Amino acid sequence: MSPELFPNKLKTLVPVLSNGKYDINKEHFVYRRLISLIRVRNSIAHAKSEMEEIVVDEDELVDMPIINFGIAKIPRQFKFRREDITLGASKMFTPLEYHGALDKIEKWFFQRYPNKLSKVAMVIERAKQPQWEEQTTMLVKHLK
């Protein structure tokens, strides 16, 4: 599946749920958090292998306890290396902010569906488009 499909699915969710009456507000903070989370997901799902080969002298090795293995000798530079395990996501929003955004999309779109969408803060009225019925088929394809 193409990585750009997930943001498209998010964009088409509201028009499909509301039969074209509403659209998602792309300026809303929850939308921006969800798009950021989708990008992180895509970077994980489509990550390129990053193998690093190094050569070190014996005096540059330190003992490191490894769970279910014992003691292993590793290069000193790796023992104190700090990797960003969030792949940059924590620079945008905190884990709690991401969780809150996921919580809101669940509550707003899947628990209120379909008759209360107008009360959702992330929803805006959609411009009248005469070909809505033709577009519905295409939008539903995005969600599958």
C-alpha atoms as a PDB file:
ATOM      1  CA  MET A   1       0.000   0.000   0.000  1.00  0.00           C
ATOM      2  CA  SER A   2       1.312   3.413  -0.929  1.00  0.00           C
ATOM      3  CA  PRO A   3       2.296   5.623   2.063  1.00  0.00           C
ATOM      4  CA  GLU A   4       0.355   8.606   0.721  1.00  0.00           C
ATOM      5  CA  LEU A   5      -2.929   6.645   0.916  1.00  0.00           C
ATOM      6  CA  PHE A   6      -3.300   6.989   4.693  1.00  0.00           C
ATOM      7  CA  PRO A   7      -3.513  10.822   4.680  1.00  0.00           C
ATOM      8  CA  ASN A   8      -5.981  10.539   1.766  1.00  0.00           C
ATOM      9  CA  LYS A   9      -8.113   8.118   3.774  1.00  0.00           C
ATOM     10  CA  LEU A  10      -8.191  10.564   6.667  1.00  0.00           C
ATOM     11  CA  LYS A  11      -9.233  13.401   4.311  1.00  0.00           C
ATOM     12  CA  THR A  12     -12.048  11.341   2.799  1.00  0.00           C
ATOM     13  CA  LEU A  13     -13.411  10.002   6.092  1.00  0.00           C
ATOM     14  CA  VAL A  14     -15.671  12.961   6.929  1.00  0.00           C
ATOM     15  CA  PRO A  15     -17.166  13.507   3.449  1.00  0.00           C
ATOM     16  CA  VAL A  16     -18.026   9.805   3.204  1.00  0.00           C
ATOM     17  CA  LEU A  17     -19.507   9.623   6.720  1.00  0.00           C
ATOM     18  CA  SER A  18     -21.599  12.744   6.132  1.00  0.00           C
ATOM     19  CA  ASN A  19     -22.686  12.015   2.548  1.00  0.00           C
ATOM     20  CA  GLY A  20     -20.741  15.018   1.317  1.00  0.00           C
ATOM     21  CA  LYS A  21     -22.246  17.525   3.730  1.00  0.00           C
ATOM     22  CA  TYR A  22     -19.062  18.074   5.776  1.00  0.00           C
ATOM     23  CA  ASP A  23     -15.319  18.059   5.247  1.00  0.00           C
ATOM     24  CA  ILE A  24     -12.383  17.731   7.632  1.00  0.00           C
ATOM     25  CA  ASN A  25     -10.775  20.966   8.805  1.00  0.00           C
ATOM     26  CA  LYS A  26      -7.136  20.558   7.767  1.00  0.00           C
ATOM     27  CA  GLU A  27      -6.105  23.433  10.071  1.00  0.00           C
ATOM     28  CA  HIS A  28      -7.478  21.746  13.216  1.00  0.00           C
ATOM     29  CA  PHE A  29      -4.844  20.650  15.763  1.00  0.00           C
ATOM     30  CA  VAL A  30      -6.169  17.074  15.891  1.00  0.00           C
ATOM     31  CA  TYR A  31      -5.892  16.739  12.113  1.00  0.00           C
ATOM     32  CA  ARG A  32      -2.277  18.010  12.205  1.00  0.00           C
ATOM     33  CA  ARG A  33      -1.382  15.518  14.958  1.00  0.00           C
ATOM     34  CA  LEU A  34      -2.951  12.643  13.064  1.00  0.00           C
ATOM     35  CA  ILE A  35      -1.102  13.558   9.856  1.00  0.00           C
ATOM     36  CA  SER A  36       2.139  13.706  11.854  1.00  0.00           C
ATOM     37  CA  LEU A  37       1.389  10.284  13.344  1.00  0.00           C
ATOM     38  CA  ILE A  38       0.667   8.887   9.875  1.00  0.00           C
ATOM     39  CA  ARG A  39       4.030  10.194   8.654  1.00  0.00           C
ATOM     40  CA  VAL A  40       5.800   8.487  11.564  1.00  0.00           C
ATOM     41  CA  ARG A  41       3.919   5.274  10.830  1.00  0.00           C
ATOM     42  CA  ASN A  42       4.945   5.506   7.179  1.00  0.00           C
ATOM     43  CA  SER A  43       8.600   6.087   8.064  1.00  0.00           C
ATOM     44  CA  ILE A  44       8.523   2.946  10.227  1.00  0.00           C
ATOM     45  CA  ALA A  45       6.576   0.809   7.763  1.00  0.00           C
ATOM     46  CA  HIS A  46       8.719   1.860   4.813  1.00  0.00           C
ATOM     47  CA  ALA A  47      12.065   2.250   6.580  1.00  0.00           C
ATOM     48  CA  LYS A  48      15.237   1.624   4.668  1.00  0.00           C
ATOM     49  CA  SER A  49      17.786  -0.663   6.269  1.00  0.00           C
ATOM     50  CA  GLU A  50      20.587   1.231   7.985  1.00  0.00           C
ATOM     51  CA  MET A  51      23.403  -1.181   8.651  1.00  0.00           C
ATOM     52  CA  GLU A  52      26.519   0.361  10.104  1.00  0.00           C
ATOM     53  CA  GLU A  53      29.799  -1.531  10.044  1.00  0.00           C
ATOM     54  CA  ILE A  54      32.663  -0.361  12.217  1.00  0.00           C
ATOM     55  CA  VAL A  55      36.113  -1.612  13.161  1.00  0.00           C
ATOM     56  CA  VAL A  56      37.378  -1.060  16.719  1.00  0.00           C
ATOM     57  CA  ASP A  57      40.402  -2.073  18.747  1.00  0.00           C
ATOM     58  CA  GLU A  58      40.051  -4.451  21.706  1.00  0.00           C
ATOM     59  CA  ASP A  59      40.612  -1.600  24.190  1.00  0.00           C
ATOM     60  CA  GLU A  60      37.568   0.242  22.744  1.00  0.00           C
ATOM     61  CA  LEU A  61      35.185  -2.597  23.736  1.00  0.00           C
ATOM     62  CA  VAL A  62      33.132  -2.481  26.943  1.00  0.00           C
ATOM     63  CA  ASP A  63      30.994  -5.093  28.684  1.00  0.00           C
ATOM     64  CA  MET A  64      27.260  -4.654  28.257  1.00  0.00           C
ATOM     65  CA  PRO A  65      24.630  -6.833  29.979  1.00  0.00           C
ATOM     66  CA  ILE A  66      22.055  -8.154  27.514  1.00  0.00           C
ATOM     67  CA  ILE A  67      18.755  -9.638  28.733  1.00  0.00           C
ATOM     68  CA  ASN A  68      18.562 -13.420  28.163  1.00  0.00           C
ATOM     69  CA  PHE A  69      22.095 -13.425  26.790  1.00  0.00           C
ATOM     70  CA  GLY A  70      24.556 -12.384  29.479  1.00  0.00           C
ATOM     71  CA  ILE A  71      27.498 -10.063  28.931  1.00  0.00           C
ATOM     72  CA  ALA A  72      28.479  -8.947  25.425  1.00  0.00           C
ATOM     73  CA  LYS A  73      31.378  -6.809  24.291  1.00  0.00           C
ATOM     74  CA  ILE A  74      30.270  -3.752  22.332  1.00  0.00           C
ATOM     75  CA  PRO A  75      32.102  -0.665  21.086  1.00  0.00           C
ATOM     76  CA  ARG A  76      32.190   2.062  23.750  1.00  0.00           C
ATOM     77  CA  GLN A  77      30.561   4.569  21.380  1.00  0.00           C
ATOM     78  CA  PHE A  78      27.371   2.460  21.226  1.00  0.00           C
ATOM     79  CA  LYS A  79      26.981   2.149  24.989  1.00  0.00           C
ATOM     80  CA  PHE A  80      26.398   5.870  25.417  1.00  0.00           C
ATOM     81  CA  ARG A  81      24.640   6.542  22.142  1.00  0.00           C
ATOM     82  CA  ARG A  82      21.204   8.131  22.471  1.00  0.00           C
ATOM     83  CA  GLU A  83      18.881   7.270  19.612  1.00  0.00           C
ATOM     84  CA  ASP A  84      15.543   8.941  19.037  1.00  0.00           C
ATOM     85  CA  ILE A  85      13.264   5.917  19.279  1.00  0.00           C
ATOM     86  CA  THR A  86      10.287   8.051  18.224  1.00  0.00           C
ATOM     87  CA  LEU A  87      11.861   8.691  14.801  1.00  0.00           C
ATOM     88  CA  GLY A  88      11.398  12.433  15.244  1.00  0.00           C
ATOM     89  CA  ALA A  89       7.730  12.242  16.265  1.00  0.00           C
ATOM     90  CA  SER A  90       8.432  13.596  19.752  1.00  0.00           C
ATOM     91  CA  LYS A  91       9.769  16.798  18.196  1.00  0.00           C
ATOM     92  CA  MET A  92       6.285  17.530  16.846  1.00  0.00           C
ATOM     93  CA  PHE A  93       3.965  16.375  19.647  1.00  0.00           C
ATOM     94  CA  THR A  94       4.172  14.451  22.916  1.00  0.00           C
ATOM     95  CA  PRO A  95       2.932  10.842  23.124  1.00  0.00           C
ATOM     96  CA  LEU A  96      -0.045  12.084  25.168  1.00  0.00           C
ATOM     97  CA  GLU A  97      -0.968  14.587  22.448  1.00  0.00           C
ATOM     98  CA  TYR A  98      -0.881  11.807  19.831  1.00  0.00           C
ATOM     99  CA  HIS A  99      -2.991   9.588  22.080  1.00  0.00           C
ATOM    100  CA  GLY A 100      -5.457  12.431  22.597  1.00  0.00           C
ATOM    101  CA  ALA A 101      -5.795  12.914  18.835  1.00  0.00           C
ATOM    102  CA  LEU A 102      -6.494   9.207  18.315  1.00  0.00           C
ATOM    103  CA  ASP A 103      -8.999   9.317  21.166  1.00  0.00           C
ATOM    104  CA  LYS A 104     -10.802  12.284  19.603  1.00  0.00           C
ATOM    105  CA  ILE A 105     -11.070  10.729  16.146  1.00  0.00           C
ATOM    106  CA  GLU A 106     -12.544   7.589  17.732  1.00  0.00           C
ATOM    107  CA  LYS A 107     -15.066   9.589  19.782  1.00  0.00           C
ATOM    108  CA  TRP A 108     -15.937  12.201  17.175  1.00  0.00           C
ATOM    109  CA  PHE A 109     -16.301  10.003  14.111  1.00  0.00           C
ATOM    110  CA  PHE A 110     -17.028   6.475  15.209  1.00  0.00           C
ATOM    111  CA  GLN A 111     -19.130   6.974  18.334  1.00  0.00           C
ATOM    112  CA  ARG A 112     -21.140  10.014  17.130  1.00  0.00           C
ATOM    113  CA  TYR A 113     -21.657   8.831  13.556  1.00  0.00           C
ATOM    114  CA  PRO A 114     -23.690   9.889  11.634  1.00  0.00           C
ATOM    115  CA  ASN A 115     -26.185  12.378  13.049  1.00  0.00           C
ATOM    116  CA  LYS A 116     -23.909  14.438  15.331  1.00  0.00           C
ATOM    117  CA  LEU A 117     -21.012  15.232  12.994  1.00  0.00           C
ATOM    118  CA  SER A 118     -22.031  18.888  12.816  1.00  0.00           C
ATOM    119  CA  LYS A 119     -21.057  19.259  16.491  1.00  0.00           C
ATOM    120  CA  VAL A 120     -17.506  17.962  15.923  1.00  0.00           C
ATOM    121  CA  ALA A 121     -14.909  20.747  16.181  1.00  0.00           C
ATOM    122  CA  MET A 122     -12.758  19.268  13.410  1.00  0.00           C
ATOM    123  CA  VAL A 123     -15.612  19.282  10.869  1.00  0.00           C
ATOM    124  CA  ILE A 124     -16.483  22.154   8.546  1.00  0.00           C
ATOM    125  CA  GLU A 125     -19.375  22.521   6.142  1.00  0.00           C
ATOM    126  CA  ARG A 126     -18.410  21.361   2.686  1.00  0.00           C
ATOM    127  CA  ALA A 127     -18.900  23.578  -0.353  1.00  0.00           C
ATOM    128  CA  LYS A 128     -21.833  22.465  -2.464  1.00  0.00           C
ATOM    129  CA  GLN A 129     -20.609  20.233  -5.264  1.00  0.00           C
ATOM    130  CA  PRO A 130     -23.112  19.017  -7.849  1.00  0.00           C
ATOM    131  CA  GLN A 131     -21.285  15.751  -8.644  1.00  0.00           C
ATOM    132  CA  TRP A 132     -21.270  14.459  -5.057  1.00  0.00           C
ATOM    133  CA  GLU A 133     -22.845  11.112  -5.995  1.00  0.00           C
ATOM    134  CA  GLU A 134     -20.117  10.470  -8.586  1.00  0.00           C
ATOM    135  CA  GLN A 135     -17.393  11.437  -6.098  1.00  0.00           C
ATOM    136  CA  THR A 136     -18.772   9.169  -3.373  1.00  0.00           C
ATOM    137  CA  THR A 137     -17.684   6.024  -5.226  1.00  0.00           C
ATOM    138  CA  MET A 138     -14.147   7.353  -5.592  1.00  0.00           C
ATOM    139  CA  LEU A 139     -13.944   8.444  -1.935  1.00  0.00           C
ATOM    140  CA  VAL A 140     -15.191   5.096  -0.661  1.00  0.00           C
ATOM    141  CA  LYS A 141     -12.446   3.393  -2.721  1.00  0.00           C
ATOM    142  CA  HIS A 142      -9.862   5.460  -0.779  1.00  0.00           C
ATOM    143  CA  LEU A 143     -11.207   4.153   2.520  1.00  0.00           C
ATOM    144  CA  LYS A 144     -10.956   0.483   1.505  1.00  0.00           C
END
